[in-house]
Amino acid sequence: MDITNAEWRKSSRSSEQGDACVEVALASGLVGVRDSKDPSGPKLILNPSDFRNLANVLKNL
């Protein structure tokens, strides 16, 4: 998946201080997740269903 031109946005659940920020992007029908402090670093690429499942699991931690 080419996410070079994806528009990343900071998660609404990220810390206000900016120390725990996650960004997400939609591209080619998939969801990308990355650390906002390391935008050129590794990215997690999920289909929308798996992203929803991951988000639900994390909400319940």
C-alpha atoms as a PDB file:
ATOM      1  CA  MET A   1       0.000   0.000   0.000  1.00  0.00           C
ATOM      2  CA  ASP A   2       1.346   3.394  -0.978  1.00  0.00           C
ATOM      3  CA  ILE A   3       0.633   5.852   1.838  1.00  0.00           C
ATOM      4  CA  THR A   4       3.072   8.508   0.629  1.00  0.00           C
ATOM      5  CA  ASN A   5       0.294  11.039  -0.005  1.00  0.00           C
ATOM      6  CA  ALA A   6      -2.022   9.957   2.797  1.00  0.00           C
ATOM      7  CA  GLU A   7      -3.472  12.749   4.929  1.00  0.00           C
ATOM      8  CA  TRP A   8      -2.577  11.915   8.516  1.00  0.00           C
ATOM      9  CA  ARG A   9      -4.566  13.319  11.420  1.00  0.00           C
ATOM     10  CA  LYS A  10      -3.946  13.160  15.112  1.00  0.00           C
ATOM     11  CA  SER A  11      -6.260  10.912  17.062  1.00  0.00           C
ATOM     12  CA  SER A  12      -8.808  12.761  19.170  1.00  0.00           C
ATOM     13  CA  ARG A  13      -7.728  10.519  22.084  1.00  0.00           C
ATOM     14  CA  SER A  14      -4.085  11.611  21.934  1.00  0.00           C
ATOM     15  CA  SER A  15      -2.595  13.391  24.902  1.00  0.00           C
ATOM     16  CA  GLU A  16      -3.052  17.165  25.044  1.00  0.00           C
ATOM     17  CA  GLN A  17       0.635  17.532  25.982  1.00  0.00           C
ATOM     18  CA  GLY A  18       1.652  15.817  22.748  1.00  0.00           C
ATOM     19  CA  ASP A  19       3.655  13.094  24.475  1.00  0.00           C
ATOM     20  CA  ALA A  20       1.438  10.165  23.471  1.00  0.00           C
ATOM     21  CA  CYS A  21       0.169  11.034  20.008  1.00  0.00           C
ATOM     22  CA  VAL A  22      -1.146   8.577  17.476  1.00  0.00           C
ATOM     23  CA  GLU A  23      -2.024   9.591  13.937  1.00  0.00           C
ATOM     24  CA  VAL A  24      -4.334   7.778  11.540  1.00  0.00           C
ATOM     25  CA  ALA A  25      -4.848   7.976   7.778  1.00  0.00           C
ATOM     26  CA  LEU A  26      -7.200   6.408   5.259  1.00  0.00           C
ATOM     27  CA  ALA A  27      -5.692   5.274   1.965  1.00  0.00           C
ATOM     28  CA  SER A  28      -6.704   2.679  -0.601  1.00  0.00           C
ATOM     29  CA  GLY A  29      -9.493   1.408   1.665  1.00  0.00           C
ATOM     30  CA  LEU A  30      -7.074   0.709   4.523  1.00  0.00           C
ATOM     31  CA  VAL A  31      -6.258   2.471   7.799  1.00  0.00           C
ATOM     32  CA  GLY A  32      -2.706   3.510   8.632  1.00  0.00           C
ATOM     33  CA  VAL A  33      -1.560   4.156  12.204  1.00  0.00           C
ATOM     34  CA  ARG A  34       1.726   5.831  13.183  1.00  0.00           C
ATOM     35  CA  ASP A  35       3.497   7.617  16.014  1.00  0.00           C
ATOM     36  CA  SER A  36       3.266  11.373  15.408  1.00  0.00           C
ATOM     37  CA  LYS A  37       6.723  11.868  16.915  1.00  0.00           C
ATOM     38  CA  ASP A  38       8.231   9.560  14.254  1.00  0.00           C
ATOM     39  CA  PRO A  39       6.247  10.153  11.041  1.00  0.00           C
ATOM     40  CA  SER A  40       8.844   8.441   8.843  1.00  0.00           C
ATOM     41  CA  GLY A  41       9.049   5.462  11.189  1.00  0.00           C
ATOM     42  CA  PRO A  42       7.057   2.225  11.089  1.00  0.00           C
ATOM     43  CA  LYS A  43       3.360   2.245  10.337  1.00  0.00           C
ATOM     44  CA  LEU A  44       0.653  -0.237  11.165  1.00  0.00           C
ATOM     45  CA  ILE A  45      -1.635  -0.887   8.175  1.00  0.00           C
ATOM     46  CA  LEU A  46      -5.029  -2.486   8.883  1.00  0.00           C
ATOM     47  CA  ASN A  47      -8.270  -3.119   7.067  1.00  0.00           C
ATOM     48  CA  PRO A  48     -11.136  -1.079   8.574  1.00  0.00           C
ATOM     49  CA  SER A  49     -12.651  -4.068  10.387  1.00  0.00           C
ATOM     50  CA  ASP A  50      -9.358  -4.948  12.089  1.00  0.00           C
ATOM     51  CA  PHE A  51      -8.830  -1.285  12.991  1.00  0.00           C
ATOM     52  CA  ARG A  52     -12.256  -1.138  14.673  1.00  0.00           C
ATOM     53  CA  ASN A  53     -11.477  -4.342  16.570  1.00  0.00           C
ATOM     54  CA  LEU A  54      -8.108  -2.963  17.715  1.00  0.00           C
ATOM     55  CA  ALA A  55      -9.705   0.323  18.806  1.00  0.00           C
ATOM     56  CA  ASN A  56     -12.358  -1.541  20.788  1.00  0.00           C
ATOM     57  CA  VAL A  57      -9.741  -3.683  22.533  1.00  0.00           C
ATOM     58  CA  LEU A  58      -7.662  -0.618  23.426  1.00  0.00           C
ATOM     59  CA  LYS A  59     -10.709   1.231  24.786  1.00  0.00           C
ATOM     60  CA  ASN A  60     -11.281  -1.597  27.233  1.00  0.00           C
ATOM     61  CA  LEU A  61      -7.754  -1.699  28.659  1.00  0.00           C
END
